[in-house]
PDB file of N, CA and C in Angstrom:
ATOM      1  N   MET A   1     -36.563 -10.538   0.025  1.00  0.00           N
ATOM      2  CA  MET A   1     -37.659 -10.043   0.905  1.00  0.00           C
ATOM      3  C   MET A   1     -37.298  -9.287   2.069  1.00  0.00           C
ATOM      4  N   HIS A   2     -38.175  -8.337   2.374  1.00  0.00           N
ATOM      5  CA  HIS A   2     -37.697  -7.328   3.342  1.00  0.00           C
ATOM      6  C   HIS A   2     -37.605  -7.786   4.687  1.00  0.00           C
ATOM      7  N   LYS A   3     -36.618  -7.205   5.491  1.00  0.00           N
ATOM      8  CA  LYS A   3     -36.417  -7.885   6.708  1.00  0.00           C
ATOM      9  C   LYS A   3     -37.415  -7.846   7.826  1.00  0.00           C
ATOM     10  N   LEU A   4     -38.347  -6.935   7.667  1.00  0.00           N
ATOM     11  CA  LEU A   4     -39.495  -7.047   8.462  1.00  0.00           C
ATOM     12  C   LEU A   4     -40.387  -8.241   8.189  1.00  0.00           C
ATOM     13  N   GLN A   5     -40.524  -8.560   6.944  1.00  0.00           N
ATOM     14  CA  GLN A   5     -41.280  -9.854   6.459  1.00  0.00           C
ATOM     15  C   GLN A   5     -40.743 -11.070   6.845  1.00  0.00           C
ATOM     16  N   LEU A   6     -39.334 -10.915   6.645  1.00  0.00           N
ATOM     17  CA  LEU A   6     -38.638 -12.117   7.074  1.00  0.00           C
ATOM     18  C   LEU A   6     -38.784 -12.477   8.548  1.00  0.00           C
ATOM     19  N   SER A   7     -38.470 -11.422   9.325  1.00  0.00           N
ATOM     20  CA  SER A   7     -38.566 -11.483  10.925  1.00  0.00           C
ATOM     21  C   SER A   7     -39.927 -12.059  11.196  1.00  0.00           C
ATOM     22  N   GLY A   8     -41.236 -11.492  10.502  1.00  0.00           N
ATOM     23  CA  GLY A   8     -42.378 -12.132  10.660  1.00  0.00           C
ATOM     24  C   GLY A   8     -42.592 -13.711  10.423  1.00  0.00           C
ATOM     25  N   ALA A   9     -41.999 -13.910   9.214  1.00  0.00           N
ATOM     26  CA  ALA A   9     -42.046 -15.325   8.813  1.00  0.00           C
ATOM     27  C   ALA A   9     -41.212 -16.135   9.475  1.00  0.00           C
ATOM     28  N   LEU A  10     -40.307 -15.754  10.049  1.00  0.00           N
ATOM     29  CA  LEU A  10     -39.317 -16.484  10.928  1.00  0.00           C
ATOM     30  C   LEU A  10     -39.891 -16.844  12.341  1.00  0.00           C
ATOM     31  N   THR A  11     -40.420 -15.715  12.763  1.00  0.00           N
ATOM     32  CA  THR A  11     -41.175 -15.875  13.922  1.00  0.00           C
ATOM     33  C   THR A  11     -42.247 -16.878  13.992  1.00  0.00           C
ATOM     34  N   GLU A  12     -43.090 -16.886  12.799  1.00  0.00           N
ATOM     35  CA  GLU A  12     -44.158 -17.581  12.838  1.00  0.00           C
ATOM     36  C   GLU A  12     -43.387 -19.410  12.288  1.00  0.00           C
ATOM     37  N   ALA A  13     -42.474 -19.460  11.644  1.00  0.00           N
ATOM     38  CA  ALA A  13     -41.845 -20.607  11.666  1.00  0.00           C
ATOM     39  C   ALA A  13     -41.303 -21.141  12.943  1.00  0.00           C
ATOM     40  N   LEU A  14     -40.723 -20.286  13.601  1.00  0.00           N
ATOM     41  CA  LEU A  14     -40.094 -20.780  15.040  1.00  0.00           C
ATOM     42  C   LEU A  14     -41.249 -21.129  16.111  1.00  0.00           C
ATOM     43  N   ALA A  15     -42.655 -20.541  16.078  1.00  0.00           N
ATOM     44  CA  ALA A  15     -43.758 -20.665  16.735  1.00  0.00           C
ATOM     45  C   ALA A  15     -44.092 -22.040  16.313  1.00  0.00           C
ATOM     46  N   LYS A  16     -44.172 -22.617  15.258  1.00  0.00           N
ATOM     47  CA  LYS A  16     -44.512 -23.967  14.671  1.00  0.00           C
ATOM     48  C   LYS A  16     -43.750 -24.912  15.490  1.00  0.00           C
ATOM     49  N   SER A  17     -42.754 -24.779  15.829  1.00  0.00           N
ATOM     50  CA  SER A  17     -41.593 -25.639  16.676  1.00  0.00           C
ATOM     51  C   SER A  17     -41.901 -25.472  18.050  1.00  0.00           C
ATOM     52  N   GLY A  18     -42.743 -24.379  18.631  1.00  0.00           N
ATOM     53  CA  GLY A  18     -43.065 -24.168  20.008  1.00  0.00           C
ATOM     54  C   GLY A  18     -42.174 -23.097  20.431  1.00  0.00           C
ATOM     55  N   VAL A  19     -41.210 -22.468  19.676  1.00  0.00           N
ATOM     56  CA  VAL A  19     -40.186 -21.402  20.139  1.00  0.00           C
ATOM     57  C   VAL A  19     -40.990 -20.151  20.014  1.00  0.00           C
ATOM     58  N   LYS A  20     -41.238 -19.325  21.193  1.00  0.00           N
ATOM     59  CA  LYS A  20     -41.899 -18.082  20.971  1.00  0.00           C
ATOM     60  C   LYS A  20     -40.816 -16.898  21.080  1.00  0.00           C
ATOM     61  N   VAL A  21     -40.847 -15.870  20.364  1.00  0.00           N
ATOM     62  CA  VAL A  21     -40.134 -14.996  20.516  1.00  0.00           C
ATOM     63  C   VAL A  21     -40.662 -13.734  20.045  1.00  0.00           C
ATOM     64  N   SER A  22     -40.565 -12.628  20.939  1.00  0.00           N
ATOM     65  CA  SER A  22     -41.459 -11.366  20.676  1.00  0.00           C
ATOM     66  C   SER A  22     -40.544 -10.305  19.732  1.00  0.00           C
ATOM     67  N   ASP A  23     -39.385 -10.192  19.909  1.00  0.00           N
ATOM     68  CA  ASP A  23     -38.870  -9.469  18.844  1.00  0.00           C
ATOM     69  C   ASP A  23     -37.454  -9.928  18.314  1.00  0.00           C
ATOM     70  N   LEU A  24     -37.538 -10.645  17.091  1.00  0.00           N
ATOM     71  CA  LEU A  24     -36.421 -11.246  16.925  1.00  0.00           C
ATOM     72  C   LEU A  24     -35.316 -10.644  16.578  1.00  0.00           C
ATOM     73  N   ALA A  25     -35.363  -9.456  15.876  1.00  0.00           N
ATOM     74  CA  ALA A  25     -34.078  -8.548  15.699  1.00  0.00           C
ATOM     75  C   ALA A  25     -33.355  -8.280  16.938  1.00  0.00           C
ATOM     76  N   ASP A  26     -34.419  -7.971  18.026  1.00  0.00           N
ATOM     77  CA  ASP A  26     -33.448  -7.574  19.258  1.00  0.00           C
ATOM     78  C   ASP A  26     -32.930  -8.667  19.946  1.00  0.00           C
ATOM     79  N   THR A  27     -33.581  -9.859  19.879  1.00  0.00           N
ATOM     80  CA  THR A  27     -33.123 -11.032  20.399  1.00  0.00           C
ATOM     81  C   THR A  27     -31.763 -11.655  19.675  1.00  0.00           C
ATOM     82  N   CYS A  28     -31.920 -11.302  18.603  1.00  0.00           N
ATOM     83  CA  CYS A  28     -30.607 -12.073  17.800  1.00  0.00           C
ATOM     84  C   CYS A  28     -29.437 -10.794  17.912  1.00  0.00           C
ATOM     85  N   LYS A  29     -29.303  -9.708  18.291  1.00  0.00           N
ATOM     86  CA  LYS A  29     -28.384  -8.854  18.369  1.00  0.00           C
ATOM     87  C   LYS A  29     -27.130  -9.537  18.856  1.00  0.00           C
ATOM     88  N   PRO A  30     -27.168 -10.085  19.972  1.00  0.00           N
ATOM     89  CA  PRO A  30     -25.653 -10.519  20.468  1.00  0.00           C
ATOM     90  C   PRO A  30     -25.104 -11.709  19.725  1.00  0.00           C
ATOM     91  N   PHE A  31     -25.823 -12.426  18.460  1.00  0.00           N
ATOM     92  CA  PHE A  31     -25.134 -13.192  17.739  1.00  0.00           C
ATOM     93  C   PHE A  31     -24.547 -13.003  16.386  1.00  0.00           C
ATOM     94  N   LYS A  32     -23.720 -13.537  15.973  1.00  0.00           N
ATOM     95  CA  LYS A  32     -22.810 -13.279  14.724  1.00  0.00           C
ATOM     96  C   LYS A  32     -23.992 -13.545  13.629  1.00  0.00           C
ATOM     97  N   THR A  33     -24.578 -14.565  13.579  1.00  0.00           N
ATOM     98  CA  THR A  33     -25.428 -14.538  12.311  1.00  0.00           C
ATOM     99  C   THR A  33     -26.709 -14.957  12.743  1.00  0.00           C
ATOM    100  N   LEU A  34     -27.738 -14.846  11.955  1.00  0.00           N
ATOM    101  CA  LEU A  34     -29.164 -15.169  12.127  1.00  0.00           C
ATOM    102  C   LEU A  34     -29.326 -16.735  12.543  1.00  0.00           C
ATOM    103  N   GLY A  35     -28.645 -17.508  11.631  1.00  0.00           N
ATOM    104  CA  GLY A  35     -28.712 -18.946  11.818  1.00  0.00           C
ATOM    105  C   GLY A  35     -28.264 -19.476  13.214  1.00  0.00           C
ATOM    106  N   GLN A  36     -27.102 -18.667  13.906  1.00  0.00           N
ATOM    107  CA  GLN A  36     -26.744 -18.992  15.032  1.00  0.00           C
ATOM    108  C   GLN A  36     -27.832 -18.770  15.977  1.00  0.00           C
ATOM    109  N   CYS A  37     -28.398 -17.569  15.901  1.00  0.00           N
ATOM    110  CA  CYS A  37     -29.388 -17.186  17.043  1.00  0.00           C
ATOM    111  C   CYS A  37     -30.623 -17.941  16.888  1.00  0.00           C
ATOM    112  N   ILE A  38     -31.140 -18.621  15.570  1.00  0.00           N
ATOM    113  CA  ILE A  38     -32.191 -19.198  15.662  1.00  0.00           C
ATOM    114  C   ILE A  38     -31.871 -20.783  16.172  1.00  0.00           C
ATOM    115  N   ALA A  39     -30.724 -21.271  16.147  1.00  0.00           N
ATOM    116  CA  ALA A  39     -30.385 -22.558  16.549  1.00  0.00           C
ATOM    117  C   ALA A  39     -30.387 -22.344  18.132  1.00  0.00           C
ATOM    118  N   ALA A  40     -29.742 -21.273  18.790  1.00  0.00           N
ATOM    119  CA  ALA A  40     -29.833 -20.937  19.988  1.00  0.00           C
ATOM    120  C   ALA A  40     -31.157 -21.035  20.632  1.00  0.00           C
ATOM    121  N   LEU A  41     -32.293 -20.380  19.902  1.00  0.00           N
ATOM    122  CA  LEU A  41     -33.438 -20.063  20.333  1.00  0.00           C
ATOM    123  C   LEU A  41     -34.108 -21.811  20.535  1.00  0.00           C
ATOM    124  N   HIS A  42     -33.488 -22.445  19.497  1.00  0.00           N
ATOM    125  CA  HIS A  42     -34.025 -23.938  19.636  1.00  0.00           C
ATOM    126  C   HIS A  42     -33.376 -24.700  20.742  1.00  0.00           C
ATOM    127  N   ILE A  43     -32.187 -24.509  21.116  1.00  0.00           N
ATOM    128  CA  ILE A  43     -31.648 -24.857  22.235  1.00  0.00           C
ATOM    129  C   ILE A  43     -32.223 -24.305  23.692  1.00  0.00           C
ATOM    130  N   ASN A  44     -32.418 -23.119  23.722  1.00  0.00           N
ATOM    131  CA  ASN A  44     -32.787 -22.591  24.816  1.00  0.00           C
ATOM    132  C   ASN A  44     -34.350 -23.049  25.082  1.00  0.00           C
ATOM    133  N   HIS A  45     -35.341 -23.364  24.034  1.00  0.00           N
ATOM    134  CA  HIS A  45     -36.497 -24.142  24.008  1.00  0.00           C
ATOM    135  C   HIS A  45     -36.402 -25.489  24.677  1.00  0.00           C
ATOM    136  N   LYS A  46     -35.332 -26.165  24.102  1.00  0.00           N
ATOM    137  CA  LYS A  46     -35.232 -27.616  24.690  1.00  0.00           C
ATOM    138  C   LYS A  46     -34.646 -27.629  26.073  1.00  0.00           C
ATOM    139  N   PHE A  47     -33.782 -26.709  26.156  1.00  0.00           N
ATOM    140  CA  PHE A  47     -32.958 -26.642  27.532  1.00  0.00           C
ATOM    141  C   PHE A  47     -33.213 -25.434  28.132  1.00  0.00           C
ATOM    142  N   PRO A  48     -34.297 -25.134  28.753  1.00  0.00           N
ATOM    143  CA  PRO A  48     -34.514 -23.500  29.480  1.00  0.00           C
ATOM    144  C   PRO A  48     -33.334 -23.287  30.292  1.00  0.00           C
ATOM    145  N   SER A  49     -32.571 -24.039  30.741  1.00  0.00           N
ATOM    146  CA  SER A  49     -31.349 -23.782  31.649  1.00  0.00           C
ATOM    147  C   SER A  49     -30.310 -23.022  30.636  1.00  0.00           C
ATOM    148  N   CYS A  50     -30.392 -23.237  29.481  1.00  0.00           N
ATOM    149  CA  CYS A  50     -29.284 -22.541  28.610  1.00  0.00           C
ATOM    150  C   CYS A  50     -29.579 -21.416  28.150  1.00  0.00           C
ATOM    151  N   GLY A  51     -29.396 -20.313  28.652  1.00  0.00           N
ATOM    152  CA  GLY A  51     -29.741 -18.926  28.429  1.00  0.00           C
ATOM    153  C   GLY A  51     -29.202 -18.435  27.292  1.00  0.00           C
ATOM    154  N   LEU A  52     -29.792 -17.553  26.476  1.00  0.00           N
ATOM    155  CA  LEU A  52     -29.583 -16.816  25.234  1.00  0.00           C
ATOM    156  C   LEU A  52     -28.278 -16.332  25.352  1.00  0.00           C
ATOM    157  N   SER A  53     -28.054 -15.762  26.486  1.00  0.00           N
ATOM    158  CA  SER A  53     -26.820 -14.961  26.613  1.00  0.00           C
ATOM    159  C   SER A  53     -25.667 -15.676  26.917  1.00  0.00           C
ATOM    160  N   ASP A  54     -25.705 -16.695  27.457  1.00  0.00           N
ATOM    161  CA  ASP A  54     -24.655 -17.715  27.766  1.00  0.00           C
ATOM    162  C   ASP A  54     -24.416 -18.309  26.415  1.00  0.00           C
ATOM    163  N   LEU A  55     -25.314 -18.702  25.727  1.00  0.00           N
ATOM    164  CA  LEU A  55     -25.036 -19.321  24.229  1.00  0.00           C
ATOM    165  C   LEU A  55     -24.506 -18.463  23.145  1.00  0.00           C
ATOM    166  N   SER A  56     -24.902 -17.136  23.234  1.00  0.00           N
ATOM    167  CA  SER A  56     -24.050 -16.093  22.461  1.00  0.00           C
ATOM    168  C   SER A  56     -22.680 -15.807  22.988  1.00  0.00           C
ATOM    169  N   ALA A  57     -22.507 -16.034  24.141  1.00  0.00           N
ATOM    170  CA  ALA A  57     -21.026 -15.712  24.728  1.00  0.00           C
ATOM    171  C   ALA A  57     -20.191 -16.973  24.636  1.00  0.00           C
ATOM    172  N   ALA A  58     -20.627 -18.107  24.489  1.00  0.00           N
ATOM    173  CA  ALA A  58     -19.921 -19.229  24.194  1.00  0.00           C
ATOM    174  C   ALA A  58     -19.071 -19.455  22.851  1.00  0.00           C
ATOM    175  N   LYS A  59     -17.754 -19.933  22.720  1.00  0.00           N
ATOM    176  CA  LYS A  59     -17.061 -19.852  21.606  1.00  0.00           C
ATOM    177  C   LYS A  59     -17.910 -20.720  20.525  1.00  0.00           C
ATOM    178  N   SER A  60     -18.803 -21.546  20.899  1.00  0.00           N
ATOM    179  CA  SER A  60     -19.637 -22.401  19.977  1.00  0.00           C
ATOM    180  C   SER A  60     -20.920 -22.870  20.527  1.00  0.00           C
ATOM    181  N   LEU A  61     -21.724 -23.028  19.588  1.00  0.00           N
ATOM    182  CA  LEU A  61     -23.038 -23.493  20.262  1.00  0.00           C
ATOM    183  C   LEU A  61     -22.878 -24.829  21.213  1.00  0.00           C
ATOM    184  N   GLY A  62     -22.238 -25.689  20.624  1.00  0.00           N
ATOM    185  CA  GLY A  62     -21.964 -26.987  21.275  1.00  0.00           C
ATOM    186  C   GLY A  62     -20.986 -26.709  22.870  1.00  0.00           C
ATOM    187  N   ALA A  63     -20.371 -25.724  22.897  1.00  0.00           N
ATOM    188  CA  ALA A  63     -19.708 -25.356  24.224  1.00  0.00           C
ATOM    189  C   ALA A  63     -20.703 -24.662  25.136  1.00  0.00           C
ATOM    190  N   GLY A  64     -21.535 -24.099  24.407  1.00  0.00           N
ATOM    191  CA  GLY A  64     -22.596 -23.544  25.417  1.00  0.00           C
ATOM    192  C   GLY A  64     -23.483 -24.310  25.994  1.00  0.00           C
ATOM    193  N   ILE A  65     -23.926 -25.340  25.011  1.00  0.00           N
ATOM    194  CA  ILE A  65     -24.661 -26.518  25.446  1.00  0.00           C
ATOM    195  C   ILE A  65     -23.865 -27.103  26.531  1.00  0.00           C
ATOM    196  N   GLN A  66     -22.689 -27.437  26.499  1.00  0.00           N
ATOM    197  CA  GLN A  66     -21.951 -28.533  27.311  1.00  0.00           C
ATOM    198  C   GLN A  66     -21.754 -27.737  28.627  1.00  0.00           C
ATOM    199  N   ALA A  67     -21.757 -26.319  28.677  1.00  0.00           N
ATOM    200  CA  ALA A  67     -21.592 -25.381  29.788  1.00  0.00           C
ATOM    201  C   ALA A  67     -22.848 -25.738  30.748  1.00  0.00           C
ATOM    202  N   CYS A  68     -24.009 -25.638  30.005  1.00  0.00           N
ATOM    203  CA  CYS A  68     -25.350 -25.569  30.750  1.00  0.00           C
ATOM    204  C   CYS A  68     -26.082 -26.904  31.082  1.00  0.00           C
ATOM    205  N   ARG A  69     -25.691 -27.893  30.215  1.00  0.00           N
ATOM    206  CA  ARG A  69     -26.075 -29.292  30.158  1.00  0.00           C
ATOM    207  C   ARG A  69     -25.103 -30.176  30.040  1.00  0.00           C
ATOM    208  N   PRO A  70     -24.269 -30.479  30.834  1.00  0.00           N
ATOM    209  CA  PRO A  70     -23.226 -31.253  30.574  1.00  0.00           C
ATOM    210  C   PRO A  70     -23.504 -32.746  30.320  1.00  0.00           C
ATOM    211  N   GLU A  71     -24.688 -33.258  30.867  1.00  0.00           N
ATOM    212  CA  GLU A  71     -25.057 -34.475  30.405  1.00  0.00           C
ATOM    213  C   GLU A  71     -25.574 -34.963  29.099  1.00  0.00           C
ATOM    214  N   ALA A  72     -25.857 -33.805  28.458  1.00  0.00           N
ATOM    215  CA  ALA A  72     -26.398 -33.602  27.113  1.00  0.00           C
ATOM    216  C   ALA A  72     -25.229 -34.157  25.987  1.00  0.00           C
ATOM    217  N   ASP A  73     -25.777 -34.564  24.893  1.00  0.00           N
ATOM    218  CA  ASP A  73     -24.778 -34.735  23.900  1.00  0.00           C
ATOM    219  C   ASP A  73     -24.653 -33.547  23.113  1.00  0.00           C
ATOM    220  N   ALA A  74     -23.705 -32.527  23.447  1.00  0.00           N
ATOM    221  CA  ALA A  74     -23.626 -31.057  22.817  1.00  0.00           C
ATOM    222  C   ALA A  74     -23.519 -31.164  21.443  1.00  0.00           C
ATOM    223  N   LYS A  75     -22.679 -32.178  21.013  1.00  0.00           N
ATOM    224  CA  LYS A  75     -22.456 -31.954  19.329  1.00  0.00           C
ATOM    225  C   LYS A  75     -23.762 -32.285  18.571  1.00  0.00           C
ATOM    226  N   ALA A  76     -24.293 -33.328  19.089  1.00  0.00           N
ATOM    227  CA  ALA A  76     -25.784 -33.828  18.372  1.00  0.00           C
ATOM    228  C   ALA A  76     -26.709 -32.783  18.555  1.00  0.00           C
ATOM    229  N   GLU A  77     -26.812 -32.116  19.710  1.00  0.00           N
ATOM    230  CA  GLU A  77     -27.741 -31.117  20.157  1.00  0.00           C
ATOM    231  C   GLU A  77     -27.728 -29.923  19.206  1.00  0.00           C
ATOM    232  N   ALA A  78     -26.241 -29.531  19.010  1.00  0.00           N
ATOM    233  CA  ALA A  78     -25.732 -28.475  18.421  1.00  0.00           C
ATOM    234  C   ALA A  78     -26.153 -28.592  16.866  1.00  0.00           C
ATOM    235  N   ARG A  79     -25.961 -29.889  16.438  1.00  0.00           N
ATOM    236  CA  ARG A  79     -26.210 -30.161  15.042  1.00  0.00           C
ATOM    237  C   ARG A  79     -27.482 -30.217  14.716  1.00  0.00           C
ATOM    238  N   SER A  80     -28.461 -30.751  15.423  1.00  0.00           N
ATOM    239  CA  SER A  80     -29.834 -30.708  15.397  1.00  0.00           C
ATOM    240  C   SER A  80     -30.573 -29.331  15.446  1.00  0.00           C
ATOM    241  N   ALA A  81     -29.987 -28.606  16.277  1.00  0.00           N
ATOM    242  CA  ALA A  81     -30.594 -27.205  16.523  1.00  0.00           C
ATOM    243  C   ALA A  81     -30.195 -26.477  15.050  1.00  0.00           C
ATOM    244  N   THR A  82     -29.013 -26.692  14.491  1.00  0.00           N
ATOM    245  CA  THR A  82     -28.348 -25.825  13.600  1.00  0.00           C
ATOM    246  C   THR A  82     -29.246 -26.456  12.364  1.00  0.00           C
ATOM    247  N   LYS A  83     -29.463 -27.690  12.119  1.00  0.00           N
ATOM    248  CA  LYS A  83     -30.412 -28.118  11.166  1.00  0.00           C
ATOM    249  C   LYS A  83     -31.765 -27.414  11.154  1.00  0.00           C
ATOM    250  N   GLN A  84     -32.407 -27.459  12.166  1.00  0.00           N
ATOM    251  CA  GLN A  84     -33.786 -27.043  12.345  1.00  0.00           C
ATOM    252  C   GLN A  84     -33.723 -25.399  12.139  1.00  0.00           C
ATOM    253  N   ALA A  85     -32.737 -24.759  12.425  1.00  0.00           N
ATOM    254  CA  ALA A  85     -32.567 -23.261  12.151  1.00  0.00           C
ATOM    255  C   ALA A  85     -32.389 -23.015  10.664  1.00  0.00           C
ATOM    256  N   LYS A  86     -31.629 -23.782  10.000  1.00  0.00           N
ATOM    257  CA  LYS A  86     -31.631 -23.707   8.619  1.00  0.00           C
ATOM    258  C   LYS A  86     -33.187 -23.755   7.869  1.00  0.00           C
ATOM    259  N   GLN A  87     -33.926 -25.150   8.421  1.00  0.00           N
ATOM    260  CA  GLN A  87     -35.051 -25.021   7.855  1.00  0.00           C
ATOM    261  C   GLN A  87     -36.026 -24.192   8.106  1.00  0.00           C
ATOM    262  N   ASP A  88     -35.980 -23.591   9.486  1.00  0.00           N
ATOM    263  CA  ASP A  88     -36.734 -22.449   9.732  1.00  0.00           C
ATOM    264  C   ASP A  88     -36.576 -21.154   8.785  1.00  0.00           C
ATOM    265  N   ILE A  89     -35.258 -20.971   8.439  1.00  0.00           N
ATOM    266  CA  ILE A  89     -34.965 -19.757   7.868  1.00  0.00           C
ATOM    267  C   ILE A  89     -35.535 -20.046   6.018  1.00  0.00           C
ATOM    268  N   LYS A  90     -35.067 -21.487   5.771  1.00  0.00           N
ATOM    269  CA  LYS A  90     -35.617 -21.665   4.489  1.00  0.00           C
ATOM    270  C   LYS A  90     -37.016 -21.499   4.036  1.00  0.00           C
ATOM    271  N   GLU A  91     -37.659 -22.114   5.220  1.00  0.00           N
ATOM    272  CA  GLU A  91     -39.413 -22.035   5.347  1.00  0.00           C
ATOM    273  C   GLU A  91     -39.688 -20.443   5.320  1.00  0.00           C
ATOM    274  N   ALA A  92     -39.162 -19.676   6.039  1.00  0.00           N
ATOM    275  CA  ALA A  92     -39.419 -18.117   6.234  1.00  0.00           C
ATOM    276  C   ALA A  92     -39.239 -17.339   4.957  1.00  0.00           C
ATOM    277  N   ASN A  93     -38.022 -17.767   4.111  1.00  0.00           N
ATOM    278  CA  ASN A  93     -37.894 -17.116   2.855  1.00  0.00           C
ATOM    279  C   ASN A  93     -38.615 -17.855   1.631  1.00  0.00           C
ATOM    280  N   SER A  94     -39.576 -18.772   1.976  1.00  0.00           N
ATOM    281  CA  SER A  94     -40.344 -19.221   0.725  1.00  0.00           C
ATOM    282  C   SER A  94     -41.836 -18.612   0.629  1.00  0.00           C
TER     283      SER A  94
END
Protein backbone atom coordinates (compact mmCIF):
# COMPACT_ATOMS: atom_id res chain seq x y z
CA MET A 1 0.00 0.00 0.00
CA HIS A 2 1.26 3.46 -0.87
CA LYS A 3 2.31 5.61 2.12
CA LEU A 4 -0.31 8.26 1.36
CA GLN A 5 -3.05 5.64 1.24
CA LEU A 6 -1.81 4.11 4.49
CA SER A 7 -1.67 7.54 6.11
CA GLY A 8 -5.25 8.28 5.05
CA ALA A 9 -6.51 4.88 6.15
CA LEU A 10 -4.69 5.18 9.45
CA THR A 11 -6.06 8.68 10.02
CA GLU A 12 -9.55 7.24 9.47
CA ALA A 13 -8.87 4.33 11.85
CA LEU A 14 -7.67 6.76 14.52
CA ALA A 15 -10.72 8.98 14.02
CA LYS A 16 -12.96 5.99 14.81
CA SER A 17 -11.27 5.91 18.23
CA GLY A 18 -11.77 9.64 18.67
CA VAL A 19 -8.13 10.49 17.91
CA LYS A 20 -7.91 13.40 15.49
CA VAL A 21 -4.70 14.13 13.60
CA SER A 22 -4.32 16.38 10.57
CA ASP A 23 -0.88 15.38 9.24
CA LEU A 24 0.11 11.91 10.41
CA ALA A 25 3.53 11.90 8.71
CA ASP A 26 4.52 15.19 10.32
CA THR A 27 3.08 14.21 13.71
CA CYS A 28 5.03 10.93 13.73
CA LYS A 29 8.46 12.37 12.78
CA PRO A 30 9.84 12.44 16.36
CA PHE A 31 8.98 8.76 16.97
CA LYS A 32 11.18 5.79 16.09
CA THR A 33 8.32 3.71 14.70
CA LEU A 34 4.82 4.25 13.40
CA GLY A 35 3.48 1.96 16.14
CA GLN A 36 5.05 4.10 18.87
CA CYS A 37 3.54 7.21 17.32
CA ILE A 38 0.04 5.74 17.07
CA ALA A 39 0.23 4.44 20.65
CA ALA A 40 1.36 7.90 21.82
CA LEU A 41 -1.57 9.48 19.98
CA HIS A 42 -3.92 7.19 21.91
CA ILE A 43 -2.24 8.12 25.20
CA ASN A 44 -2.42 11.82 24.32
CA HIS A 45 -6.12 11.43 23.52
CA LYS A 46 -6.82 9.67 26.83
CA PHE A 47 -4.50 11.90 28.88
CA PRO A 48 -4.28 15.34 27.20
CA SER A 49 -1.65 16.40 29.75
CA CYS A 50 0.71 13.86 28.15
CA GLY A 51 2.06 15.82 25.20
CA LEU A 52 3.38 14.04 22.12
CA SER A 53 6.76 15.77 22.45
CA ASP A 54 7.10 14.50 26.03
CA LEU A 55 6.05 10.98 25.02
CA SER A 56 8.47 10.90 22.07
CA ALA A 57 11.35 12.11 24.27
CA ALA A 58 10.75 9.55 27.04
CA LYS A 59 12.82 6.36 27.10
CA SER A 60 9.59 4.34 26.82
CA LEU A 61 5.88 4.98 26.50
CA GLY A 62 5.38 3.79 30.07
CA ALA A 63 8.01 6.23 31.35
CA GLY A 64 6.33 9.04 29.43
CA ILE A 65 2.96 8.20 30.95
CA GLN A 66 4.47 7.95 34.43
CA ALA A 67 6.01 11.41 34.05
CA CYS A 68 2.79 13.16 33.03
CA ARG A 69 0.25 11.04 34.93
CA PRO A 70 1.93 9.54 38.02
CA GLU A 71 -1.39 8.20 39.33
CA ALA A 72 -2.03 6.15 36.17
CA ASP A 73 -1.02 2.50 35.82
CA ALA A 74 1.64 3.36 33.24
CA LYS A 75 2.44 -0.23 32.24
CA ALA A 76 -1.21 -1.13 31.67
CA GLU A 77 -1.90 2.11 29.79
CA ALA A 78 1.17 1.58 27.57
CA ARG A 79 0.11 -2.02 26.83
CA SER A 80 -3.42 -0.93 26.00
CA ALA A 81 -2.27 1.91 23.72
CA THR A 82 0.22 -0.37 21.96
CA LYS A 83 -2.48 -3.00 21.40
CA GLN A 84 -4.83 -0.35 19.98
CA ALA A 85 -2.05 1.00 17.73
CA LYS A 86 -1.41 -2.46 16.31
CA GLN A 87 -5.15 -2.86 15.65
CA ASP A 88 -5.30 0.55 13.94
CA ILE A 89 -2.34 -0.28 11.70
CA LYS A 90 -3.80 -3.70 10.86
CA GLU A 91 -7.16 -2.11 10.02
CA ALA A 92 -5.47 0.54 7.85
CA ASN A 93 -3.56 -2.15 5.93
CA SER A 94 -6.66 -4.18 5.10
